Amino acid sequence: MAAKSTLRVPHLRGIDVGYRLSGKRIDPEKPTVVLLNSMCVTSSLYEAQFASGLLTGLVNLLAIEPLGHGATTTSAEHWTYWDSAHMALETMEALGVEKAFVLGTSQGGWIAVRMALLAPDKILGLLPLGTSMDSESEASREMGGWDPEPLLTPFYEKWSVSTPDFVVDEVWCGMVGQLGFSGTASAETLAFWGRTLKEVYSGEEGRKKLRMALLNLMERDGLLRRLRDIKCPVYWLQAANDPVFGKVIPAEHIKLFTSSPEATLTFVEAGGHYLSATSPLETEEAIVKMVNTYA
């Protein structure tokens, strides 16, 4: 399901941001970890983290749904991942969070890095999961990354036509589930996400939201030459058999965080692309280590 709480921030002439907190309010005595979800899912991706007594006792968890996702809405019809990063920073400010660690899964990873580039004084550390720092480039494909153009273009074209009774189809729901959870999810989990996608992406507004989310993924800019400007620690986790970006891409990209005090890459055996959901123990260990080291 989408987040149940929203707040208004000024970016893009106004965005209603879907978010979820681990407590009733931000506890100023605890550090905060912002959670940014992957493509077409919602803050519910982090259910395991919200259910962890260890994590919720140690930190404030703040899940923010990027533009095009969950309960987040705006009247602007065009936006980029940079806008989601601006929005997330404004959400932190609105909730009284001065500084935070940021964990992002897949697309959430490159939104997290954008946040650190835009506001280096506010981001204490980054935990990218199952991600890449490049665009969907030829170089990425040469290093074993997927080729989304032939797979995703037919969906983009179909979703560019006005459809008042639009509901996202089973094929797309199946792709999100299979690629994201990489064969590790139960039938119950896949059914939950199928229902959630159909709730979020229905009607004309849902179609426009999904179309732009997809366009963001397909046409995003790369960050490779910017990574040297990241000054905070980076703990990157990747599934050993990640079906989208593989192992070579993260192994090469982690080397580019040359100004970070610590930049590590850990491969997780038996994990899926959505590592926070498929490998919650390893995700929790990384969060706890970073917070205890750098808070």
C-alpha atoms as a PDB file:
ATOM      1  CA  MET A   1       0.000   0.000   0.000  1.00  0.00           C
ATOM      2  CA  ALA A   2       0.983   3.644  -0.343  1.00  0.00           C
ATOM      3  CA  ALA A   3       1.970   5.813   2.608  1.00  0.00           C
ATOM      4  CA  LYS A   4      -0.900   7.008   4.766  1.00  0.00           C
ATOM      5  CA  SER A   5       0.676  10.342   5.698  1.00  0.00           C
ATOM      6  CA  THR A   6       1.362  13.289   3.388  1.00  0.00           C
ATOM      7  CA  LEU A   7       2.777  16.762   3.783  1.00  0.00           C
ATOM      8  CA  ARG A   8       3.087  19.708   1.411  1.00  0.00           C
ATOM      9  CA  VAL A   9       6.463  21.003   0.235  1.00  0.00           C
ATOM     10  CA  PRO A  10       7.027  23.957  -2.133  1.00  0.00           C
ATOM     11  CA  HIS A  11       9.197  22.370  -4.838  1.00  0.00           C
ATOM     12  CA  LEU A  12       7.622  22.271  -8.345  1.00  0.00           C
ATOM     13  CA  ARG A  13       5.027  24.822  -7.161  1.00  0.00           C
ATOM     14  CA  GLY A  14       3.808  22.289  -4.630  1.00  0.00           C
ATOM     15  CA  ILE A  15       4.159  18.552  -4.002  1.00  0.00           C
ATOM     16  CA  ASP A  16       2.092  16.444  -1.605  1.00  0.00           C
ATOM     17  CA  VAL A  17       4.682  13.973  -0.332  1.00  0.00           C
ATOM     18  CA  GLY A  18       3.769  10.482   0.811  1.00  0.00           C
ATOM     19  CA  TYR A  19       5.858   9.464   3.809  1.00  0.00           C
ATOM     20  CA  ARG A  20       5.995   7.042   6.724  1.00  0.00           C
ATOM     21  CA  LEU A  21       7.626   7.502  10.126  1.00  0.00           C
ATOM     22  CA  SER A  22       8.641   4.786  12.576  1.00  0.00           C
ATOM     23  CA  GLY A  23       7.218   6.852  15.450  1.00  0.00           C
ATOM     24  CA  LYS A  24       4.484   9.428  15.881  1.00  0.00           C
ATOM     25  CA  ARG A  25       7.058  12.155  15.341  1.00  0.00           C
ATOM     26  CA  ILE A  26      10.799  12.618  14.850  1.00  0.00           C
ATOM     27  CA  ASP A  27      12.705  11.902  18.048  1.00  0.00           C
ATOM     28  CA  PRO A  28      15.464  14.576  18.160  1.00  0.00           C
ATOM     29  CA  GLU A  29      17.589  12.331  20.390  1.00  0.00           C
ATOM     30  CA  LYS A  30      17.936   9.731  17.625  1.00  0.00           C
ATOM     31  CA  PRO A  31      19.662   9.922  14.238  1.00  0.00           C
ATOM     32  CA  THR A  32      17.353   9.646  11.229  1.00  0.00           C
ATOM     33  CA  VAL A  33      17.587   7.248   8.300  1.00  0.00           C
ATOM     34  CA  VAL A  34      15.674   8.264   5.169  1.00  0.00           C
ATOM     35  CA  LEU A  35      14.430   5.351   3.021  1.00  0.00           C
ATOM     36  CA  LEU A  36      13.781   5.828  -0.713  1.00  0.00           C
ATOM     37  CA  ASN A  37      11.943   3.084  -2.572  1.00  0.00           C
ATOM     38  CA  SER A  38      12.578   1.504  -5.942  1.00  0.00           C
ATOM     39  CA  MET A  39      10.609   1.719  -9.183  1.00  0.00           C
ATOM     40  CA  CYS A  40       6.812   1.390  -8.943  1.00  0.00           C
ATOM     41  CA  VAL A  41       6.716   0.240  -5.330  1.00  0.00           C
ATOM     42  CA  THR A  42       5.950   2.282  -2.216  1.00  0.00           C
ATOM     43  CA  SER A  43       7.158   2.864   1.332  1.00  0.00           C
ATOM     44  CA  SER A  44       5.845  -0.638   2.080  1.00  0.00           C
ATOM     45  CA  LEU A  45       9.061  -1.935   0.511  1.00  0.00           C
ATOM     46  CA  TYR A  46      10.628  -1.191   3.916  1.00  0.00           C
ATOM     47  CA  GLU A  47       8.156  -3.194   5.992  1.00  0.00           C
ATOM     48  CA  ALA A  48      10.935  -5.358   7.431  1.00  0.00           C
ATOM     49  CA  GLN A  49      12.881  -2.317   8.583  1.00  0.00           C
ATOM     50  CA  PHE A  50       9.831  -0.736  10.232  1.00  0.00           C
ATOM     51  CA  ALA A  51       9.149  -4.053  11.970  1.00  0.00           C
ATOM     52  CA  SER A  52      12.673  -4.219  13.426  1.00  0.00           C
ATOM     53  CA  GLY A  53      12.778  -3.290  17.088  1.00  0.00           C
ATOM     54  CA  LEU A  54      16.545  -2.905  16.854  1.00  0.00           C
ATOM     55  CA  LEU A  55      16.299  -0.301  14.110  1.00  0.00           C
ATOM     56  CA  THR A  56      13.327   1.619  15.471  1.00  0.00           C
ATOM     57  CA  GLY A  57      15.001   1.739  18.867  1.00  0.00           C
ATOM     58  CA  LEU A  58      18.207   3.097  17.379  1.00  0.00           C
ATOM     59  CA  VAL A  59      16.985   5.556  14.720  1.00  0.00           C
ATOM     60  CA  ASN A  60      14.042   7.426  13.288  1.00  0.00           C
ATOM     61  CA  LEU A  61      13.025   5.704  10.054  1.00  0.00           C
ATOM     62  CA  LEU A  62      11.556   8.070   7.487  1.00  0.00           C
ATOM     63  CA  ALA A  63      10.383   6.476   4.236  1.00  0.00           C
ATOM     64  CA  ILE A  64       9.705   8.991   1.470  1.00  0.00           C
ATOM     65  CA  GLU A  65       7.891   8.028  -1.734  1.00  0.00           C
ATOM     66  CA  PRO A  66       9.564   9.662  -4.770  1.00  0.00           C
ATOM     67  CA  LEU A  67       7.671  11.540  -7.434  1.00  0.00           C
ATOM     68  CA  GLY A  68       5.602   9.099  -9.463  1.00  0.00           C
ATOM     69  CA  HIS A  69       5.222   6.714  -6.553  1.00  0.00           C
ATOM     70  CA  GLY A  70       2.778   5.878  -3.796  1.00  0.00           C
ATOM     71  CA  ALA A  71       0.865   8.765  -2.242  1.00  0.00           C
ATOM     72  CA  THR A  72       3.179  11.464  -3.640  1.00  0.00           C
ATOM     73  CA  THR A  73       1.415  13.770  -6.105  1.00  0.00           C
ATOM     74  CA  THR A  74       2.055  17.048  -7.910  1.00  0.00           C
ATOM     75  CA  SER A  75       0.278  19.090 -10.563  1.00  0.00           C
ATOM     76  CA  ALA A  76       3.537  19.269 -12.538  1.00  0.00           C
ATOM     77  CA  GLU A  77       3.517  16.733 -15.338  1.00  0.00           C
ATOM     78  CA  HIS A  78       7.275  16.730 -15.920  1.00  0.00           C
ATOM     79  CA  TRP A  79       9.995  16.158 -13.350  1.00  0.00           C
ATOM     80  CA  THR A  80      13.272  14.289 -12.871  1.00  0.00           C
ATOM     81  CA  TYR A  81      15.134  12.406 -10.164  1.00  0.00           C
ATOM     82  CA  TRP A  82      16.748  15.703  -9.178  1.00  0.00           C
ATOM     83  CA  ASP A  83      13.249  16.962  -8.331  1.00  0.00           C
ATOM     84  CA  SER A  84      12.649  13.901  -6.131  1.00  0.00           C
ATOM     85  CA  ALA A  85      15.934  14.678  -4.351  1.00  0.00           C
ATOM     86  CA  HIS A  86      14.901  18.313  -3.777  1.00  0.00           C
ATOM     87  CA  MET A  87      11.514  17.100  -2.549  1.00  0.00           C
ATOM     88  CA  ALA A  88      13.051  14.641  -0.094  1.00  0.00           C
ATOM     89  CA  LEU A  89      15.307  17.354   1.350  1.00  0.00           C
ATOM     90  CA  GLU A  90      12.306  19.644   1.786  1.00  0.00           C
ATOM     91  CA  THR A  91      10.426  16.801   3.479  1.00  0.00           C
ATOM     92  CA  MET A  92      13.274  16.392   5.953  1.00  0.00           C
ATOM     93  CA  GLU A  93      13.163  20.106   6.690  1.00  0.00           C
ATOM     94  CA  ALA A  94       9.384  20.108   7.121  1.00  0.00           C
ATOM     95  CA  LEU A  95       9.661  17.305   9.694  1.00  0.00           C
ATOM     96  CA  GLY A  96      12.473  18.978  11.600  1.00  0.00           C
ATOM     97  CA  VAL A  97      15.254  16.647  10.425  1.00  0.00           C
ATOM     98  CA  GLU A  98      18.469  18.657  10.158  1.00  0.00           C
ATOM     99  CA  LYS A  99      20.714  15.800   9.039  1.00  0.00           C
ATOM    100  CA  ALA A 100      20.145  12.194   7.996  1.00  0.00           C
ATOM    101  CA  PHE A 101      21.597   9.021   6.595  1.00  0.00           C
ATOM    102  CA  VAL A 102      19.918   7.997   3.329  1.00  0.00           C
ATOM    103  CA  LEU A 103      19.265   4.462   2.104  1.00  0.00           C
ATOM    104  CA  GLY A 104      17.912   3.986  -1.394  1.00  0.00           C
ATOM    105  CA  THR A 105      16.996   0.831  -3.294  1.00  0.00           C
ATOM    106  CA  SER A 106      17.629   0.748  -7.067  1.00  0.00           C
ATOM    107  CA  GLN A 107      16.336   4.165  -8.276  1.00  0.00           C
ATOM    108  CA  GLY A 108      16.321   5.204  -4.618  1.00  0.00           C
ATOM    109  CA  GLY A 109      20.108   4.801  -4.680  1.00  0.00           C
ATOM    110  CA  TRP A 110      20.669   7.423  -7.319  1.00  0.00           C
ATOM    111  CA  ILE A 111      18.099   9.744  -5.704  1.00  0.00           C
ATOM    112  CA  ALA A 112      20.031   9.391  -2.430  1.00  0.00           C
ATOM    113  CA  VAL A 113      23.282  10.386  -4.142  1.00  0.00           C
ATOM    114  CA  ARG A 114      21.560  13.406  -5.690  1.00  0.00           C
ATOM    115  CA  MET A 115      20.466  14.458  -2.206  1.00  0.00           C
ATOM    116  CA  ALA A 116      24.077  14.324  -1.011  1.00  0.00           C
ATOM    117  CA  LEU A 117      25.218  16.366  -4.004  1.00  0.00           C
ATOM    118  CA  LEU A 118      22.533  19.012  -3.479  1.00  0.00           C
ATOM    119  CA  ALA A 119      22.909  19.275   0.302  1.00  0.00           C
ATOM    120  CA  PRO A 120      26.207  17.757   1.457  1.00  0.00           C
ATOM    121  CA  ASP A 121      25.833  19.448   4.847  1.00  0.00           C
ATOM    122  CA  LYS A 122      22.610  17.531   5.508  1.00  0.00           C
ATOM    123  CA  ILE A 123      23.555  13.974   4.473  1.00  0.00           C
ATOM    124  CA  LEU A 124      25.637  11.989   6.968  1.00  0.00           C
ATOM    125  CA  GLY A 125      26.031   8.822   4.918  1.00  0.00           C
ATOM    126  CA  LEU A 126      24.673   6.859   1.953  1.00  0.00           C
ATOM    127  CA  LEU A 127      23.507   3.261   1.678  1.00  0.00           C
ATOM    128  CA  PRO A 128      22.783   2.488  -2.000  1.00  0.00           C
ATOM    129  CA  LEU A 129      21.214  -0.943  -2.574  1.00  0.00           C
ATOM    130  CA  GLY A 130      20.974  -2.831  -5.881  1.00  0.00           C
ATOM    131  CA  THR A 131      21.776   0.172  -8.017  1.00  0.00           C
ATOM    132  CA  SER A 132      24.012   1.934 -10.533  1.00  0.00           C
ATOM    133  CA  MET A 133      25.392   5.464 -10.761  1.00  0.00           C
ATOM    134  CA  ASP A 134      25.248   5.646 -14.577  1.00  0.00           C
ATOM    135  CA  SER A 135      22.529   6.409 -17.072  1.00  0.00           C
ATOM    136  CA  GLU A 136      21.185   3.547 -19.175  1.00  0.00           C
ATOM    137  CA  SER A 137      24.319   3.835 -21.309  1.00  0.00           C
ATOM    138  CA  GLU A 138      26.149   1.622 -23.757  1.00  0.00           C
ATOM    139  CA  ALA A 139      28.996   1.432 -21.239  1.00  0.00           C
ATOM    140  CA  SER A 140      26.540   0.091 -18.668  1.00  0.00           C
ATOM    141  CA  ARG A 141      25.396  -2.636 -21.036  1.00  0.00           C
ATOM    142  CA  GLU A 142      28.996  -3.553 -21.843  1.00  0.00           C
ATOM    143  CA  MET A 143      29.535  -4.131 -18.118  1.00  0.00           C
ATOM    144  CA  GLY A 144      26.557  -6.485 -17.883  1.00  0.00           C
ATOM    145  CA  GLY A 145      23.731  -4.067 -17.141  1.00  0.00           C
ATOM    146  CA  TRP A 146      20.311  -4.686 -18.588  1.00  0.00           C
ATOM    147  CA  ASP A 147      19.079  -3.127 -21.838  1.00  0.00           C
ATOM    148  CA  PRO A 148      15.748  -1.508 -20.890  1.00  0.00           C
ATOM    149  CA  GLU A 149      14.998   0.275 -24.186  1.00  0.00           C
ATOM    150  CA  PRO A 150      13.383  -2.606 -26.135  1.00  0.00           C
ATOM    151  CA  LEU A 151      11.653  -3.881 -23.008  1.00  0.00           C
ATOM    152  CA  LEU A 152      10.225  -0.588 -21.733  1.00  0.00           C
ATOM    153  CA  THR A 153       9.556   1.513 -24.856  1.00  0.00           C
ATOM    154  CA  PRO A 154       6.314  -0.335 -25.765  1.00  0.00           C
ATOM    155  CA  PHE A 155       4.955   0.422 -22.276  1.00  0.00           C
ATOM    156  CA  TYR A 156       5.915   4.082 -22.572  1.00  0.00           C
ATOM    157  CA  GLU A 157       4.181   4.402 -25.941  1.00  0.00           C
ATOM    158  CA  LYS A 158       1.068   2.664 -24.654  1.00  0.00           C
ATOM    159  CA  TRP A 159       0.935   4.855 -21.546  1.00  0.00           C
ATOM    160  CA  SER A 160       1.271   8.035 -23.636  1.00  0.00           C
ATOM    161  CA  VAL A 161      -2.337   7.713 -24.840  1.00  0.00           C
ATOM    162  CA  SER A 162      -5.171   9.180 -22.775  1.00  0.00           C
ATOM    163  CA  THR A 163      -7.040   6.316 -21.058  1.00  0.00           C
ATOM    164  CA  PRO A 164      -9.700   7.449 -18.529  1.00  0.00           C
ATOM    165  CA  ASP A 165     -10.264   3.917 -17.213  1.00  0.00           C
ATOM    166  CA  PHE A 166      -6.555   3.103 -17.066  1.00  0.00           C
ATOM    167  CA  VAL A 167      -5.338   0.363 -14.718  1.00  0.00           C
ATOM    168  CA  VAL A 168      -1.757  -0.883 -14.912  1.00  0.00           C
ATOM    169  CA  ASP A 169      -1.723  -4.326 -16.513  1.00  0.00           C
ATOM    170  CA  GLU A 170      -0.717  -7.710 -15.166  1.00  0.00           C
ATOM    171  CA  VAL A 171       2.336  -7.902 -17.423  1.00  0.00           C
ATOM    172  CA  TRP A 172       3.882  -4.807 -15.822  1.00  0.00           C
ATOM    173  CA  CYS A 173       2.961  -5.959 -12.311  1.00  0.00           C
ATOM    174  CA  GLY A 174       4.611  -9.297 -13.036  1.00  0.00           C
ATOM    175  CA  MET A 175       7.770  -7.634 -14.337  1.00  0.00           C
ATOM    176  CA  VAL A 176       8.096  -5.454 -11.238  1.00  0.00           C
ATOM    177  CA  GLY A 177       7.667  -8.483  -9.004  1.00  0.00           C
ATOM    178  CA  GLN A 178       9.957 -10.832 -10.890  1.00  0.00           C
ATOM    179  CA  LEU A 179      12.776  -8.382 -11.570  1.00  0.00           C
ATOM    180  CA  GLY A 180      12.572  -6.671  -8.204  1.00  0.00           C
ATOM    181  CA  PHE A 181      12.320  -9.703  -5.972  1.00  0.00           C
ATOM    182  CA  SER A 182      14.313 -11.863  -8.383  1.00  0.00           C
ATOM    183  CA  GLY A 183      12.413 -15.070  -7.714  1.00  0.00           C
ATOM    184  CA  THR A 184      12.657 -14.785  -3.922  1.00  0.00           C
ATOM    185  CA  ALA A 185       9.126 -13.528  -3.165  1.00  0.00           C
ATOM    186  CA  SER A 186       6.154 -15.635  -2.116  1.00  0.00           C
ATOM    187  CA  ALA A 187       2.912 -15.687  -4.093  1.00  0.00           C
ATOM    188  CA  GLU A 188       1.345 -13.659  -1.274  1.00  0.00           C
ATOM    189  CA  THR A 189       4.023 -10.952  -1.586  1.00  0.00           C
ATOM    190  CA  LEU A 190       3.646 -10.750  -5.353  1.00  0.00           C
ATOM    191  CA  ALA A 191      -0.144 -10.515  -4.998  1.00  0.00           C
ATOM    192  CA  PHE A 192       0.255  -7.672  -2.476  1.00  0.00           C
ATOM    193  CA  TRP A 193       2.391  -5.687  -4.895  1.00  0.00           C
ATOM    194  CA  GLY A 194       0.033  -6.426  -7.773  1.00  0.00           C
ATOM    195  CA  ARG A 195      -2.844  -4.924  -5.771  1.00  0.00           C
ATOM    196  CA  THR A 196      -0.741  -1.980  -4.683  1.00  0.00           C
ATOM    197  CA  LEU A 197       0.352  -1.102  -8.209  1.00  0.00           C
ATOM    198  CA  LYS A 198      -3.245  -1.193  -9.414  1.00  0.00           C
ATOM    199  CA  GLU A 199      -4.341   1.089  -6.570  1.00  0.00           C
ATOM    200  CA  VAL A 200      -1.611   3.650  -7.258  1.00  0.00           C
ATOM    201  CA  TYR A 201      -1.660   3.532 -11.057  1.00  0.00           C
ATOM    202  CA  SER A 202      -5.307   3.817 -12.056  1.00  0.00           C
ATOM    203  CA  GLY A 203      -7.287   6.451 -13.948  1.00  0.00           C
ATOM    204  CA  GLU A 204      -5.797   9.308 -15.954  1.00  0.00           C
ATOM    205  CA  GLU A 205      -3.728  10.626 -13.068  1.00  0.00           C
ATOM    206  CA  GLY A 206      -2.335   7.168 -12.413  1.00  0.00           C
ATOM    207  CA  ARG A 207      -1.423   6.746 -16.073  1.00  0.00           C
ATOM    208  CA  LYS A 208       0.407  10.090 -16.185  1.00  0.00           C
ATOM    209  CA  LYS A 209       2.195   9.296 -12.934  1.00  0.00           C
ATOM    210  CA  LEU A 210       3.377   5.906 -14.194  1.00  0.00           C
ATOM    211  CA  ARG A 211       4.399   7.263 -17.607  1.00  0.00           C
ATOM    212  CA  MET A 212       6.638   9.903 -16.070  1.00  0.00           C
ATOM    213  CA  ALA A 213       8.104   7.467 -13.534  1.00  0.00           C
ATOM    214  CA  LEU A 214       9.077   5.235 -16.450  1.00  0.00           C
ATOM    215  CA  LEU A 215      10.484   8.139 -18.484  1.00  0.00           C
ATOM    216  CA  ASN A 216      12.623   9.156 -15.498  1.00  0.00           C
ATOM    217  CA  LEU A 217      14.099   5.657 -15.395  1.00  0.00           C
ATOM    218  CA  MET A 218      14.765   5.464 -19.121  1.00  0.00           C
ATOM    219  CA  GLU A 219      16.206   8.955 -19.665  1.00  0.00           C
ATOM    220  CA  ARG A 220      17.996   9.772 -16.408  1.00  0.00           C
ATOM    221  CA  ASP A 221      21.402  11.416 -16.432  1.00  0.00           C
ATOM    222  CA  GLY A 222      24.477   9.622 -15.145  1.00  0.00           C
ATOM    223  CA  LEU A 223      26.365  10.660 -12.028  1.00  0.00           C
ATOM    224  CA  LEU A 224      29.803   9.184 -12.644  1.00  0.00           C
ATOM    225  CA  ARG A 225      31.742  12.444 -12.904  1.00  0.00           C
ATOM    226  CA  ARG A 226      29.940  13.867  -9.884  1.00  0.00           C
ATOM    227  CA  LEU A 227      30.744  11.030  -7.471  1.00  0.00           C
ATOM    228  CA  ARG A 228      34.118  12.522  -6.542  1.00  0.00           C
ATOM    229  CA  ASP A 229      32.159  15.368  -4.908  1.00  0.00           C
ATOM    230  CA  ILE A 230      30.457  13.066  -2.388  1.00  0.00           C
ATOM    231  CA  LYS A 231      32.080  13.738   0.995  1.00  0.00           C
ATOM    232  CA  CYS A 232      30.114  11.328   3.224  1.00  0.00           C
ATOM    233  CA  PRO A 233      30.645   7.570   3.783  1.00  0.00           C
ATOM    234  CA  VAL A 234      29.084   5.095   1.343  1.00  0.00           C
ATOM    235  CA  TYR A 235      28.083   1.514   2.186  1.00  0.00           C
ATOM    236  CA  TRP A 236      26.866  -0.086  -1.063  1.00  0.00           C
ATOM    237  CA  LEU A 237      25.073  -3.455  -0.990  1.00  0.00           C
ATOM    238  CA  GLN A 238      24.382  -5.447  -4.159  1.00  0.00           C
ATOM    239  CA  ALA A 239      22.972  -8.910  -4.765  1.00  0.00           C
ATOM    240  CA  ALA A 240      25.650 -11.256  -6.034  1.00  0.00           C
ATOM    241  CA  ASN A 241      23.306 -12.149  -8.898  1.00  0.00           C
ATOM    242  CA  ASP A 242      21.543  -8.813  -9.383  1.00  0.00           C
ATOM    243  CA  PRO A 243      19.476  -9.252 -12.576  1.00  0.00           C
ATOM    244  CA  VAL A 244      19.494  -5.559 -13.511  1.00  0.00           C
ATOM    245  CA  PHE A 245      22.967  -4.148 -12.864  1.00  0.00           C
ATOM    246  CA  GLY A 246      25.054  -7.235 -12.065  1.00  0.00           C
ATOM    247  CA  LYS A 247      28.394  -7.153 -10.212  1.00  0.00           C
ATOM    248  CA  VAL A 248      30.812  -5.315 -12.509  1.00  0.00           C
ATOM    249  CA  ILE A 249      28.913  -2.003 -12.505  1.00  0.00           C
ATOM    250  CA  PRO A 250      28.898  -1.511  -8.704  1.00  0.00           C
ATOM    251  CA  ALA A 251      32.495  -2.758  -8.477  1.00  0.00           C
ATOM    252  CA  GLU A 252      33.594  -0.043 -10.909  1.00  0.00           C
ATOM    253  CA  HIS A 253      31.330   2.730  -9.637  1.00  0.00           C
ATOM    254  CA  ILE A 254      32.286   2.390  -5.966  1.00  0.00           C
ATOM    255  CA  LYS A 255      35.846   3.344  -6.950  1.00  0.00           C
ATOM    256  CA  LEU A 256      34.616   6.780  -8.050  1.00  0.00           C
ATOM    257  CA  PHE A 257      33.673   7.918  -4.533  1.00  0.00           C
ATOM    258  CA  THR A 258      37.230   9.181  -4.103  1.00  0.00           C
ATOM    259  CA  SER A 259      36.399  11.921  -1.565  1.00  0.00           C
ATOM    260  CA  SER A 260      34.347   9.716   0.760  1.00  0.00           C
ATOM    261  CA  PRO A 261      36.006   8.861   4.094  1.00  0.00           C
ATOM    262  CA  GLU A 262      34.865   5.272   3.532  1.00  0.00           C
ATOM    263  CA  ALA A 263      33.310   3.677   0.438  1.00  0.00           C
ATOM    264  CA  THR A 264      32.647  -0.058   0.594  1.00  0.00           C
ATOM    265  CA  LEU A 265      30.810  -2.563  -1.579  1.00  0.00           C
ATOM    266  CA  THR A 266      29.311  -5.754  -0.177  1.00  0.00           C
ATOM    267  CA  PHE A 267      27.838  -8.496  -2.348  1.00  0.00           C
ATOM    268  CA  VAL A 268      24.907 -10.332  -0.762  1.00  0.00           C
ATOM    269  CA  GLU A 269      24.433 -13.971  -1.672  1.00  0.00           C
ATOM    270  CA  ALA A 270      20.882 -15.092  -2.484  1.00  0.00           C
ATOM    271  CA  GLY A 271      19.622 -11.498  -2.472  1.00  0.00           C
ATOM    272  CA  GLY A 272      17.267  -9.972  -5.013  1.00  0.00           C
ATOM    273  CA  HIS A 273      17.341  -6.611  -6.777  1.00  0.00           C
ATOM    274  CA  TYR A 274      15.175  -5.091  -4.005  1.00  0.00           C
ATOM    275  CA  LEU A 275      17.710  -5.983  -1.332  1.00  0.00           C
ATOM    276  CA  SER A 276      16.008  -4.201   1.557  1.00  0.00           C
ATOM    277  CA  ALA A 277      13.098  -6.622   1.149  1.00  0.00           C
ATOM    278  CA  THR A 278      14.915  -9.802   0.114  1.00  0.00           C
ATOM    279  CA  SER A 279      17.885  -9.414   2.510  1.00  0.00           C
ATOM    280  CA  PRO A 280      16.612  -7.472   5.539  1.00  0.00           C
ATOM    281  CA  LEU A 281      19.247  -8.851   7.920  1.00  0.00           C
ATOM    282  CA  GLU A 282      22.179  -7.682   5.797  1.00  0.00           C
ATOM    283  CA  THR A 283      20.425  -4.352   5.246  1.00  0.00           C
ATOM    284  CA  GLU A 284      19.908  -3.901   8.987  1.00  0.00           C
ATOM    285  CA  GLU A 285      23.533  -4.745   9.737  1.00  0.00           C
ATOM    286  CA  ALA A 286      24.740  -2.117   7.265  1.00  0.00           C
ATOM    287  CA  ILE A 287      22.430   0.549   8.715  1.00  0.00           C
ATOM    288  CA  VAL A 288      23.484  -0.195  12.282  1.00  0.00           C
ATOM    289  CA  LYS A 289      27.177  -0.187  11.379  1.00  0.00           C
ATOM    290  CA  MET A 290      26.972   3.141   9.580  1.00  0.00           C
ATOM    291  CA  VAL A 291      24.894   4.830  12.277  1.00  0.00           C
ATOM    292  CA  ASN A 292      27.107   3.572  15.079  1.00  0.00           C
ATOM    293  CA  THR A 293      30.216   4.680  13.214  1.00  0.00           C
ATOM    294  CA  TYR A 294      29.154   8.053  11.858  1.00  0.00           C
ATOM    295  CA  ALA A 295      26.193   9.412  13.849  1.00  0.00           C
END
